[in-house]
Amino acid sequence: MSTATATARPGEVLADLLPDSRVLDAGLVLGGAVLTGLAAQISLPIPGTPVPVTGQTFAALLVGTALGAGRGFLSLALYALVGMAGVPWFAGGASGAGGASFGYVLGMLLASTVVGALARRGADRSVLRTAGVMLLGEAIIYAVGVPYLAVVTGMSLTAAIAAGLTPFLIGDVLKAALAMGLLPTAWKLVRK
């Protein structure tokens, strides 16, 4: 990292502090997809729901905030496309489109883009704003994932909320709390 890029400027995300290079950008996009795929393997089934608790939503939101909207979108698009093509890196080693939790993957694609755009506006530099951005990202994931779950499984929307949202709320608060510590701390280290 050069001295010129070590100081954060308005409109930057963490990845912008690295030397500007298309090769590096491609590596960051690939790395974000791989990180999300690996985090999806941290998967705990919950009785009564086809949707497990995973690390992939946390990874997807971190990828979006650290890489920005464009690279975050490309990372999650790559993650989704490669998983649809058969690489078993969705939750619990699943792959392909159409599973009960695939709507959450689509929601992560949208959420990483939104949180990346907000991070570019400095929303990841303080504890409270980071919490708000992470919770907004989670809400976007649910806004896509829960209706998709209802359609694919034939559940009512109320049942889909009970199976695909309610059991995950405590974990989402914990993920937001973790991000509240990680992202602002990373910015403080960069500023030193």
N, C-alpha and C. Protein backbone atom coordinates (compact mmCIF):
# COMPACT_ATOMS: atom_id res chain seq x y z
N MET A 1 0.85 -1.16 0.00
CA MET A 1 0.00 0.00 0.00
C MET A 1 0.90 1.23 0.00
N SER A 2 0.69 2.13 -0.95
CA SER A 2 1.52 3.33 -1.03
C SER A 2 1.06 4.35 0.00
N THR A 3 1.95 5.30 0.30
CA THR A 3 1.62 6.34 1.26
C THR A 3 0.44 7.17 0.78
N ALA A 4 0.35 7.36 -0.54
CA ALA A 4 -0.73 8.17 -1.09
C ALA A 4 -2.09 7.52 -0.88
N THR A 5 -2.14 6.20 -0.85
CA THR A 5 -3.42 5.53 -0.69
C THR A 5 -3.70 5.14 0.75
N ALA A 6 -2.77 5.37 1.66
CA ALA A 6 -2.97 4.94 3.04
C ALA A 6 -3.98 5.80 3.79
N THR A 7 -4.24 7.02 3.33
CA THR A 7 -5.19 7.89 3.99
C THR A 7 -6.54 7.78 3.30
N ALA A 8 -7.56 7.48 4.08
CA ALA A 8 -8.90 7.33 3.52
C ALA A 8 -9.47 8.69 3.13
N ARG A 9 -10.11 8.72 1.99
CA ARG A 9 -10.79 9.92 1.51
C ARG A 9 -12.28 9.63 1.45
N PRO A 10 -13.09 10.68 1.50
CA PRO A 10 -14.54 10.46 1.35
C PRO A 10 -14.83 9.73 0.03
N GLY A 11 -15.78 8.86 0.05
CA GLY A 11 -16.14 8.11 -1.14
C GLY A 11 -15.36 6.84 -1.34
N GLU A 12 -14.51 6.48 -0.38
CA GLU A 12 -13.72 5.26 -0.51
C GLU A 12 -14.28 4.15 0.39
N VAL A 13 -14.04 2.94 -0.05
CA VAL A 13 -14.26 1.77 0.79
C VAL A 13 -12.90 1.19 1.10
N LEU A 14 -12.84 0.23 1.98
CA LEU A 14 -11.55 -0.33 2.39
C LEU A 14 -10.73 -0.83 1.20
N ALA A 15 -11.36 -1.48 0.24
CA ALA A 15 -10.62 -2.02 -0.91
C ALA A 15 -9.98 -0.93 -1.75
N ASP A 16 -10.53 0.27 -1.71
CA ASP A 16 -9.96 1.38 -2.48
C ASP A 16 -8.62 1.84 -1.95
N LEU A 17 -8.27 1.43 -0.75
CA LEU A 17 -6.99 1.80 -0.16
C LEU A 17 -5.84 0.96 -0.70
N LEU A 18 -6.17 -0.09 -1.43
CA LEU A 18 -5.15 -0.93 -2.06
C LEU A 18 -4.76 -0.30 -3.40
N PRO A 19 -3.60 -0.66 -3.94
CA PRO A 19 -3.21 -0.11 -5.25
C PRO A 19 -4.26 -0.42 -6.31
N ASP A 20 -4.51 0.54 -7.18
CA ASP A 20 -5.52 0.40 -8.24
C ASP A 20 -5.00 -0.52 -9.33
N SER A 21 -5.71 -1.63 -9.55
CA SER A 21 -5.29 -2.60 -10.56
C SER A 21 -6.48 -3.48 -10.92
N ARG A 22 -6.65 -3.72 -12.21
CA ARG A 22 -7.74 -4.62 -12.63
C ARG A 22 -7.49 -6.05 -12.13
N VAL A 23 -6.25 -6.45 -12.09
CA VAL A 23 -5.91 -7.79 -11.59
C VAL A 23 -6.27 -7.89 -10.11
N LEU A 24 -5.93 -6.86 -9.35
CA LEU A 24 -6.28 -6.85 -7.93
C LEU A 24 -7.79 -6.84 -7.75
N ASP A 25 -8.49 -6.03 -8.55
CA ASP A 25 -9.96 -6.01 -8.47
C ASP A 25 -10.54 -7.39 -8.75
N ALA A 26 -10.03 -8.07 -9.77
CA ALA A 26 -10.50 -9.43 -10.09
C ALA A 26 -10.22 -10.37 -8.93
N GLY A 27 -9.07 -10.23 -8.31
CA GLY A 27 -8.73 -11.06 -7.15
C GLY A 27 -9.65 -10.78 -5.97
N LEU A 28 -9.98 -9.51 -5.76
CA LEU A 28 -10.89 -9.15 -4.67
C LEU A 28 -12.29 -9.72 -4.92
N VAL A 29 -12.75 -9.64 -6.17
CA VAL A 29 -14.07 -10.19 -6.52
C VAL A 29 -14.07 -11.70 -6.29
N LEU A 30 -13.06 -12.38 -6.78
CA LEU A 30 -12.96 -13.83 -6.60
C LEU A 30 -12.84 -14.17 -5.11
N GLY A 31 -12.00 -13.42 -4.40
CA GLY A 31 -11.84 -13.66 -2.96
C GLY A 31 -13.13 -13.47 -2.19
N GLY A 32 -13.92 -12.45 -2.56
CA GLY A 32 -15.21 -12.24 -1.91
C GLY A 32 -16.17 -13.39 -2.14
N ALA A 33 -16.17 -13.92 -3.37
CA ALA A 33 -17.02 -15.07 -3.68
C ALA A 33 -16.58 -16.30 -2.88
N VAL A 34 -15.28 -16.53 -2.83
CA VAL A 34 -14.75 -17.69 -2.10
C VAL A 34 -15.02 -17.56 -0.60
N LEU A 35 -14.81 -16.36 -0.06
CA LEU A 35 -15.10 -16.13 1.36
C LEU A 35 -16.56 -16.44 1.68
N THR A 36 -17.46 -15.99 0.82
CA THR A 36 -18.88 -16.25 1.03
C THR A 36 -19.17 -17.75 0.95
N GLY A 37 -18.56 -18.42 -0.03
CA GLY A 37 -18.75 -19.87 -0.16
C GLY A 37 -18.22 -20.64 1.04
N LEU A 38 -17.07 -20.22 1.55
CA LEU A 38 -16.51 -20.89 2.73
C LEU A 38 -17.37 -20.61 3.96
N ALA A 39 -17.82 -19.37 4.11
CA ALA A 39 -18.67 -19.03 5.27
C ALA A 39 -20.00 -19.77 5.22
N ALA A 40 -20.47 -20.10 4.03
CA ALA A 40 -21.72 -20.86 3.91
C ALA A 40 -21.59 -22.27 4.46
N GLN A 41 -20.36 -22.75 4.55
CA GLN A 41 -20.15 -24.10 5.08
C GLN A 41 -20.26 -24.14 6.60
N ILE A 42 -20.25 -22.98 7.22
CA ILE A 42 -20.57 -22.89 8.65
C ILE A 42 -22.10 -22.90 8.68
N SER A 43 -22.66 -24.06 8.83
CA SER A 43 -24.10 -24.22 8.65
C SER A 43 -24.68 -25.08 9.77
N LEU A 44 -25.64 -24.50 10.47
CA LEU A 44 -26.30 -25.21 11.56
C LEU A 44 -27.78 -25.34 11.25
N PRO A 45 -28.26 -26.58 11.08
CA PRO A 45 -29.70 -26.75 10.80
C PRO A 45 -30.54 -26.35 12.01
N ILE A 46 -31.72 -25.84 11.72
CA ILE A 46 -32.67 -25.46 12.77
C ILE A 46 -33.91 -26.31 12.58
N PRO A 47 -34.35 -27.01 13.62
CA PRO A 47 -35.56 -27.82 13.49
C PRO A 47 -36.76 -26.97 13.05
N GLY A 48 -37.52 -27.50 12.12
CA GLY A 48 -38.74 -26.84 11.68
C GLY A 48 -38.56 -25.87 10.53
N THR A 49 -37.35 -25.74 10.02
CA THR A 49 -37.13 -24.85 8.89
C THR A 49 -36.09 -25.44 7.93
N PRO A 50 -36.29 -25.27 6.64
CA PRO A 50 -35.29 -25.75 5.68
C PRO A 50 -34.12 -24.78 5.53
N VAL A 51 -34.13 -23.68 6.26
CA VAL A 51 -33.09 -22.66 6.16
C VAL A 51 -32.17 -22.79 7.37
N PRO A 52 -30.87 -23.07 7.14
CA PRO A 52 -29.95 -23.18 8.27
C PRO A 52 -29.37 -21.82 8.67
N VAL A 53 -28.81 -21.76 9.85
CA VAL A 53 -28.00 -20.61 10.26
C VAL A 53 -26.64 -20.80 9.60
N THR A 54 -26.16 -19.77 8.91
CA THR A 54 -24.87 -19.87 8.24
C THR A 54 -24.05 -18.62 8.48
N GLY A 55 -22.81 -18.68 8.06
CA GLY A 55 -21.95 -17.51 8.08
C GLY A 55 -21.98 -16.73 6.78
N GLN A 56 -22.71 -17.23 5.78
CA GLN A 56 -22.66 -16.60 4.47
C GLN A 56 -23.28 -15.22 4.43
N THR A 57 -24.33 -14.97 5.20
CA THR A 57 -24.92 -13.63 5.16
C THR A 57 -23.94 -12.61 5.73
N PHE A 58 -23.27 -12.96 6.80
CA PHE A 58 -22.27 -12.08 7.39
C PHE A 58 -21.15 -11.82 6.39
N ALA A 59 -20.67 -12.87 5.74
CA ALA A 59 -19.60 -12.71 4.75
C ALA A 59 -20.06 -11.84 3.59
N ALA A 60 -21.27 -12.05 3.10
CA ALA A 60 -21.78 -11.27 1.98
C ALA A 60 -21.86 -9.79 2.32
N LEU A 61 -22.28 -9.47 3.54
CA LEU A 61 -22.37 -8.07 3.94
C LEU A 61 -20.99 -7.46 4.16
N LEU A 62 -20.05 -8.23 4.69
CA LEU A 62 -18.68 -7.74 4.82
C LEU A 62 -18.05 -7.51 3.46
N VAL A 63 -18.29 -8.43 2.53
CA VAL A 63 -17.77 -8.27 1.18
C VAL A 63 -18.30 -6.98 0.56
N GLY A 64 -19.59 -6.75 0.68
CA GLY A 64 -20.18 -5.53 0.12
C GLY A 64 -19.59 -4.27 0.73
N THR A 65 -19.46 -4.23 2.05
CA THR A 65 -18.95 -3.01 2.69
C THR A 65 -17.46 -2.82 2.41
N ALA A 66 -16.70 -3.88 2.41
CA ALA A 66 -15.26 -3.74 2.19
C ALA A 66 -14.89 -3.48 0.74
N LEU A 67 -15.64 -4.05 -0.20
CA LEU A 67 -15.30 -3.92 -1.61
C LEU A 67 -16.07 -2.81 -2.33
N GLY A 68 -17.19 -2.38 -1.77
CA GLY A 68 -18.02 -1.39 -2.44
C GLY A 68 -19.09 -2.06 -3.28
N ALA A 69 -20.00 -1.25 -3.79
CA ALA A 69 -21.17 -1.77 -4.50
C ALA A 69 -20.80 -2.58 -5.73
N GLY A 70 -19.93 -2.06 -6.58
CA GLY A 70 -19.61 -2.75 -7.83
C GLY A 70 -18.91 -4.08 -7.62
N ARG A 71 -17.81 -4.06 -6.87
CA ARG A 71 -17.07 -5.31 -6.63
C ARG A 71 -17.88 -6.25 -5.74
N GLY A 72 -18.66 -5.68 -4.79
CA GLY A 72 -19.51 -6.53 -3.95
C GLY A 72 -20.55 -7.26 -4.77
N PHE A 73 -21.20 -6.52 -5.69
CA PHE A 73 -22.18 -7.14 -6.58
C PHE A 73 -21.52 -8.24 -7.41
N LEU A 74 -20.37 -7.95 -8.01
CA LEU A 74 -19.69 -8.95 -8.84
C LEU A 74 -19.29 -10.18 -8.03
N SER A 75 -18.83 -9.98 -6.81
CA SER A 75 -18.47 -11.11 -5.95
C SER A 75 -19.65 -12.02 -5.68
N LEU A 76 -20.78 -11.41 -5.30
CA LEU A 76 -21.96 -12.21 -4.98
C LEU A 76 -22.61 -12.79 -6.23
N ALA A 77 -22.50 -12.09 -7.36
CA ALA A 77 -22.99 -12.65 -8.62
C ALA A 77 -22.15 -13.87 -9.00
N LEU A 78 -20.83 -13.76 -8.84
CA LEU A 78 -19.96 -14.91 -9.11
C LEU A 78 -20.29 -16.07 -8.18
N TYR A 79 -20.47 -15.77 -6.91
CA TYR A 79 -20.85 -16.79 -5.93
C TYR A 79 -22.14 -17.50 -6.36
N ALA A 80 -23.15 -16.71 -6.73
CA ALA A 80 -24.45 -17.28 -7.13
C ALA A 80 -24.32 -18.10 -8.42
N LEU A 81 -23.65 -17.55 -9.42
CA LEU A 81 -23.54 -18.24 -10.70
C LEU A 81 -22.74 -19.54 -10.61
N VAL A 82 -21.65 -19.51 -9.88
CA VAL A 82 -20.84 -20.72 -9.73
C VAL A 82 -21.59 -21.77 -8.93
N GLY A 83 -22.32 -21.34 -7.89
CA GLY A 83 -23.14 -22.28 -7.13
C GLY A 83 -24.27 -22.86 -7.97
N MET A 84 -24.88 -22.03 -8.82
CA MET A 84 -25.94 -22.52 -9.71
C MET A 84 -25.38 -23.51 -10.74
N ALA A 85 -24.10 -23.32 -11.10
CA ALA A 85 -23.46 -24.20 -12.08
C ALA A 85 -23.06 -25.55 -11.47
N GLY A 86 -23.17 -25.69 -10.15
CA GLY A 86 -22.91 -26.98 -9.54
C GLY A 86 -21.84 -27.04 -8.49
N VAL A 87 -21.10 -25.96 -8.26
CA VAL A 87 -20.11 -25.98 -7.19
C VAL A 87 -20.85 -26.01 -5.86
N PRO A 88 -20.55 -26.99 -5.01
CA PRO A 88 -21.32 -27.17 -3.76
C PRO A 88 -20.87 -26.22 -2.66
N TRP A 89 -21.08 -24.92 -2.86
CA TRP A 89 -20.65 -23.97 -1.84
C TRP A 89 -21.77 -23.09 -1.32
N PHE A 90 -23.02 -23.48 -1.59
CA PHE A 90 -24.13 -22.85 -0.88
C PHE A 90 -24.21 -23.50 0.50
N ALA A 91 -25.12 -23.04 1.33
CA ALA A 91 -25.23 -23.54 2.70
C ALA A 91 -25.26 -25.06 2.75
N GLY A 92 -24.40 -25.61 3.59
CA GLY A 92 -24.36 -27.05 3.79
C GLY A 92 -23.88 -27.84 2.58
N GLY A 93 -23.15 -27.22 1.66
CA GLY A 93 -22.64 -27.92 0.50
C GLY A 93 -23.65 -28.08 -0.63
N ALA A 94 -24.72 -27.33 -0.59
CA ALA A 94 -25.73 -27.40 -1.66
C ALA A 94 -25.26 -26.61 -2.88
N SER A 95 -25.91 -26.86 -4.00
CA SER A 95 -25.66 -26.11 -5.22
C SER A 95 -26.93 -26.08 -6.04
N GLY A 96 -26.93 -25.30 -7.11
CA GLY A 96 -28.07 -25.22 -7.99
C GLY A 96 -29.07 -24.17 -7.54
N ALA A 97 -29.94 -23.81 -8.47
CA ALA A 97 -30.98 -22.82 -8.17
C ALA A 97 -32.27 -23.56 -7.80
N GLY A 98 -33.14 -22.89 -7.11
CA GLY A 98 -34.45 -23.46 -6.85
C GLY A 98 -34.63 -24.06 -5.47
N GLY A 99 -33.56 -24.21 -4.69
CA GLY A 99 -33.72 -24.73 -3.34
C GLY A 99 -34.44 -23.73 -2.46
N ALA A 100 -34.90 -24.20 -1.32
CA ALA A 100 -35.69 -23.36 -0.42
C ALA A 100 -34.94 -22.12 0.04
N SER A 101 -33.62 -22.20 0.14
CA SER A 101 -32.87 -21.04 0.64
C SER A 101 -32.18 -20.24 -0.46
N PHE A 102 -32.44 -20.57 -1.73
CA PHE A 102 -31.78 -19.84 -2.82
C PHE A 102 -32.21 -18.38 -2.87
N GLY A 103 -33.40 -18.05 -2.42
CA GLY A 103 -33.84 -16.66 -2.38
C GLY A 103 -32.95 -15.81 -1.49
N TYR A 104 -32.39 -16.40 -0.45
CA TYR A 104 -31.48 -15.67 0.42
C TYR A 104 -30.18 -15.35 -0.33
N VAL A 105 -29.74 -16.24 -1.19
CA VAL A 105 -28.55 -15.97 -2.02
C VAL A 105 -28.83 -14.76 -2.92
N LEU A 106 -30.00 -14.73 -3.54
CA LEU A 106 -30.37 -13.59 -4.38
C LEU A 106 -30.46 -12.32 -3.55
N GLY A 107 -31.01 -12.44 -2.36
CA GLY A 107 -31.08 -11.28 -1.46
C GLY A 107 -29.70 -10.78 -1.06
N MET A 108 -28.75 -11.70 -0.87
CA MET A 108 -27.38 -11.31 -0.53
C MET A 108 -26.74 -10.53 -1.66
N LEU A 109 -27.05 -10.89 -2.89
CA LEU A 109 -26.52 -10.17 -4.05
C LEU A 109 -26.99 -8.71 -4.01
N LEU A 110 -28.25 -8.50 -3.77
CA LEU A 110 -28.80 -7.15 -3.68
C LEU A 110 -28.26 -6.43 -2.44
N ALA A 111 -28.23 -7.11 -1.31
CA ALA A 111 -27.79 -6.50 -0.06
C ALA A 111 -26.33 -6.08 -0.12
N SER A 112 -25.47 -6.90 -0.72
CA SER A 112 -24.05 -6.53 -0.80
C SER A 112 -23.87 -5.26 -1.63
N THR A 113 -24.70 -5.10 -2.64
CA THR A 113 -24.64 -3.90 -3.48
C THR A 113 -25.08 -2.67 -2.69
N VAL A 114 -26.17 -2.78 -1.95
CA VAL A 114 -26.69 -1.65 -1.17
C VAL A 114 -25.72 -1.27 -0.05
N VAL A 115 -25.25 -2.24 0.71
CA VAL A 115 -24.34 -1.90 1.81
C VAL A 115 -23.02 -1.37 1.27
N GLY A 116 -22.60 -1.84 0.10
CA GLY A 116 -21.40 -1.31 -0.53
C GLY A 116 -21.55 0.15 -0.92
N ALA A 117 -22.72 0.50 -1.45
CA ALA A 117 -22.98 1.90 -1.81
C ALA A 117 -23.01 2.77 -0.56
N LEU A 118 -23.60 2.26 0.51
CA LEU A 118 -23.64 3.03 1.76
C LEU A 118 -22.26 3.15 2.40
N ALA A 119 -21.46 2.10 2.30
CA ALA A 119 -20.09 2.16 2.82
C ALA A 119 -19.29 3.22 2.08
N ARG A 120 -19.52 3.35 0.80
CA ARG A 120 -18.82 4.38 0.00
C ARG A 120 -19.18 5.78 0.51
N ARG A 121 -20.31 5.90 1.17
CA ARG A 121 -20.72 7.18 1.76
C ARG A 121 -20.30 7.29 3.23
N GLY A 122 -19.47 6.36 3.70
CA GLY A 122 -18.94 6.42 5.05
C GLY A 122 -19.76 5.71 6.11
N ALA A 123 -20.73 4.92 5.72
CA ALA A 123 -21.62 4.28 6.68
C ALA A 123 -20.97 3.14 7.46
N ASP A 124 -19.75 2.77 7.11
CA ASP A 124 -19.07 1.69 7.82
C ASP A 124 -17.96 2.20 8.73
N ARG A 125 -17.95 3.49 9.01
CA ARG A 125 -16.83 4.07 9.76
C ARG A 125 -17.13 4.37 11.22
N SER A 126 -18.38 4.22 11.62
CA SER A 126 -18.71 4.39 13.04
C SER A 126 -19.52 3.18 13.48
N VAL A 127 -19.53 2.96 14.77
CA VAL A 127 -20.21 1.80 15.34
C VAL A 127 -21.71 1.82 15.03
N LEU A 128 -22.37 2.93 15.29
CA LEU A 128 -23.82 2.98 15.10
C LEU A 128 -24.22 2.91 13.63
N ARG A 129 -23.50 3.61 12.78
CA ARG A 129 -23.85 3.55 11.35
C ARG A 129 -23.57 2.15 10.78
N THR A 130 -22.50 1.52 11.23
CA THR A 130 -22.22 0.16 10.78
C THR A 130 -23.34 -0.79 11.20
N ALA A 131 -23.82 -0.65 12.42
CA ALA A 131 -24.93 -1.49 12.88
C ALA A 131 -26.15 -1.28 12.00
N GLY A 132 -26.45 -0.03 11.71
CA GLY A 132 -27.60 0.27 10.85
C GLY A 132 -27.45 -0.32 9.46
N VAL A 133 -26.26 -0.21 8.89
CA VAL A 133 -26.02 -0.75 7.55
C VAL A 133 -26.15 -2.27 7.54
N MET A 134 -25.61 -2.93 8.55
CA MET A 134 -25.69 -4.39 8.61
C MET A 134 -27.14 -4.85 8.78
N LEU A 135 -27.88 -4.17 9.63
CA LEU A 135 -29.28 -4.55 9.83
C LEU A 135 -30.11 -4.27 8.58
N LEU A 136 -29.82 -3.19 7.87
CA LEU A 136 -30.49 -2.93 6.60
C LEU A 136 -30.16 -4.03 5.60
N GLY A 137 -28.90 -4.42 5.53
CA GLY A 137 -28.51 -5.51 4.63
C GLY A 137 -29.25 -6.80 4.96
N GLU A 138 -29.35 -7.12 6.24
CA GLU A 138 -30.10 -8.32 6.64
C GLU A 138 -31.56 -8.20 6.24
N ALA A 139 -32.15 -7.02 6.42
CA ALA A 139 -33.56 -6.82 6.05
C ALA A 139 -33.76 -7.03 4.55
N ILE A 140 -32.82 -6.59 3.75
CA ILE A 140 -32.91 -6.79 2.30
C ILE A 140 -32.84 -8.28 1.97
N ILE A 141 -31.95 -8.99 2.64
CA ILE A 141 -31.83 -10.44 2.40
C ILE A 141 -33.16 -11.13 2.72
N TYR A 142 -33.77 -10.77 3.84
CA TYR A 142 -35.06 -11.36 4.21
C TYR A 142 -36.17 -10.94 3.26
N ALA A 143 -36.13 -9.71 2.79
CA ALA A 143 -37.18 -9.22 1.89
C ALA A 143 -37.23 -10.02 0.59
N VAL A 144 -36.11 -10.60 0.20
CA VAL A 144 -36.08 -11.46 -0.98
C VAL A 144 -36.23 -12.93 -0.58
N GLY A 145 -35.50 -13.34 0.46
CA GLY A 145 -35.46 -14.74 0.84
C GLY A 145 -36.75 -15.32 1.39
N VAL A 146 -37.45 -14.56 2.22
CA VAL A 146 -38.68 -15.09 2.85
C VAL A 146 -39.79 -15.31 1.82
N PRO A 147 -40.09 -14.34 0.94
CA PRO A 147 -41.12 -14.62 -0.07
C PRO A 147 -40.72 -15.76 -1.01
N TYR A 148 -39.43 -15.84 -1.35
CA TYR A 148 -38.96 -16.94 -2.18
C TYR A 148 -39.19 -18.28 -1.48
N LEU A 149 -38.87 -18.32 -0.19
CA LEU A 149 -39.10 -19.52 0.61
C LEU A 149 -40.58 -19.91 0.58
N ALA A 150 -41.46 -18.93 0.73
CA ALA A 150 -42.90 -19.20 0.71
C ALA A 150 -43.33 -19.78 -0.62
N VAL A 151 -42.85 -19.21 -1.72
CA VAL A 151 -43.25 -19.68 -3.05
C VAL A 151 -42.72 -21.09 -3.33
N VAL A 152 -41.45 -21.31 -3.03
CA VAL A 152 -40.83 -22.60 -3.35
C VAL A 152 -41.39 -23.74 -2.51
N THR A 153 -41.68 -23.46 -1.25
CA THR A 153 -42.15 -24.53 -0.36
C THR A 153 -43.67 -24.63 -0.28
N GLY A 154 -44.37 -23.61 -0.79
CA GLY A 154 -45.83 -23.60 -0.67
C GLY A 154 -46.32 -23.14 0.69
N MET A 155 -45.42 -22.59 1.50
CA MET A 155 -45.82 -22.07 2.82
C MET A 155 -46.61 -20.78 2.64
N SER A 156 -47.43 -20.48 3.62
CA SER A 156 -48.05 -19.16 3.65
C SER A 156 -46.95 -18.17 4.01
N LEU A 157 -47.19 -16.89 3.76
CA LEU A 157 -46.19 -15.89 4.10
C LEU A 157 -45.95 -15.87 5.61
N THR A 158 -46.99 -16.06 6.39
CA THR A 158 -46.85 -16.11 7.84
C THR A 158 -45.96 -17.28 8.27
N ALA A 159 -46.18 -18.44 7.66
CA ALA A 159 -45.35 -19.61 7.98
C ALA A 159 -43.91 -19.39 7.52
N ALA A 160 -43.73 -18.76 6.37
CA ALA A 160 -42.38 -18.49 5.87
C ALA A 160 -41.64 -17.51 6.79
N ILE A 161 -42.36 -16.54 7.32
CA ILE A 161 -41.74 -15.61 8.28
C ILE A 161 -41.33 -16.37 9.54
N ALA A 162 -42.20 -17.25 10.00
CA ALA A 162 -41.90 -18.03 11.21
C ALA A 162 -40.72 -18.98 10.98
N ALA A 163 -40.59 -19.52 9.76
CA ALA A 163 -39.51 -20.47 9.48
C ALA A 163 -38.26 -19.81 8.93
N GLY A 164 -38.40 -18.70 8.23
CA GLY A 164 -37.27 -18.12 7.52
C GLY A 164 -36.79 -16.78 8.00
N LEU A 165 -37.40 -16.25 9.07
CA LEU A 165 -36.98 -14.96 9.61
C LEU A 165 -36.82 -15.01 11.12
N THR A 166 -37.89 -15.33 11.81
CA THR A 166 -37.92 -15.27 13.27
C THR A 166 -36.78 -16.02 13.94
N PRO A 167 -36.44 -17.26 13.52
CA PRO A 167 -35.37 -17.98 14.23
C PRO A 167 -33.98 -17.35 14.07
N PHE A 168 -33.84 -16.40 13.15
CA PHE A 168 -32.52 -15.87 12.82
C PHE A 168 -32.25 -14.49 13.39
N LEU A 169 -33.24 -13.89 14.05
CA LEU A 169 -33.10 -12.51 14.50
C LEU A 169 -32.00 -12.32 15.53
N ILE A 170 -31.88 -13.21 16.49
CA ILE A 170 -30.83 -13.08 17.51
C ILE A 170 -29.45 -13.20 16.85
N GLY A 171 -29.29 -14.15 15.96
CA GLY A 171 -28.02 -14.30 15.25
C GLY A 171 -27.67 -13.07 14.43
N ASP A 172 -28.68 -12.44 13.84
CA ASP A 172 -28.43 -11.24 13.03
C ASP A 172 -27.96 -10.08 13.90
N VAL A 173 -28.51 -9.98 15.09
CA VAL A 173 -28.05 -8.94 16.01
C VAL A 173 -26.59 -9.20 16.39
N LEU A 174 -26.24 -10.46 16.61
CA LEU A 174 -24.85 -10.80 16.93
C LEU A 174 -23.92 -10.50 15.76
N LYS A 175 -24.36 -10.80 14.53
CA LYS A 175 -23.55 -10.50 13.35
C LYS A 175 -23.35 -9.00 13.21
N ALA A 176 -24.40 -8.24 13.44
CA ALA A 176 -24.29 -6.77 13.37
C ALA A 176 -23.32 -6.26 14.43
N ALA A 177 -23.37 -6.84 15.61
CA ALA A 177 -22.46 -6.44 16.69
C ALA A 177 -21.01 -6.75 16.31
N LEU A 178 -20.78 -7.89 15.70
CA LEU A 178 -19.43 -8.24 15.26
C LEU A 178 -18.94 -7.26 14.20
N ALA A 179 -19.78 -6.93 13.25
CA ALA A 179 -19.42 -5.96 12.21
C ALA A 179 -19.18 -4.58 12.81
N MET A 180 -19.95 -4.24 13.86
CA MET A 180 -19.78 -2.95 14.53
C MET A 180 -18.38 -2.82 15.11
N GLY A 181 -17.79 -3.94 15.47
CA GLY A 181 -16.42 -3.91 15.98
C GLY A 181 -15.39 -3.98 14.87
N LEU A 182 -15.62 -4.81 13.86
CA LEU A 182 -14.62 -5.03 12.82
C LEU A 182 -14.41 -3.84 11.89
N LEU A 183 -15.46 -3.34 11.30
CA LEU A 183 -15.31 -2.33 10.26
C LEU A 183 -14.80 -0.99 10.78
N PRO A 184 -15.40 -0.42 11.82
CA PRO A 184 -14.84 0.85 12.32
C PRO A 184 -13.41 0.68 12.82
N THR A 185 -13.08 -0.47 13.40
CA THR A 185 -11.70 -0.72 13.85
C THR A 185 -10.75 -0.76 12.67
N ALA A 186 -11.15 -1.38 11.58
CA ALA A 186 -10.31 -1.40 10.38
C ALA A 186 -10.05 0.01 9.89
N TRP A 187 -11.07 0.86 9.89
CA TRP A 187 -10.87 2.25 9.47
C TRP A 187 -9.96 3.00 10.42
N LYS A 188 -10.08 2.77 11.72
CA LYS A 188 -9.20 3.43 12.69
C LYS A 188 -7.74 3.02 12.45
N LEU A 189 -7.52 1.74 12.16
CA LEU A 189 -6.16 1.27 11.88
C LEU A 189 -5.61 1.92 10.62
N VAL A 190 -6.45 2.08 9.61
CA VAL A 190 -6.02 2.70 8.35
C VAL A 190 -5.63 4.15 8.58
N ARG A 191 -6.36 4.83 9.43
CA ARG A 191 -6.09 6.25 9.67
C ARG A 191 -4.80 6.48 10.43
N LYS A 192 -4.30 5.45 11.14
CA LYS A 192 -3.06 5.62 11.93
C LYS A 192 -1.87 5.61 11.08
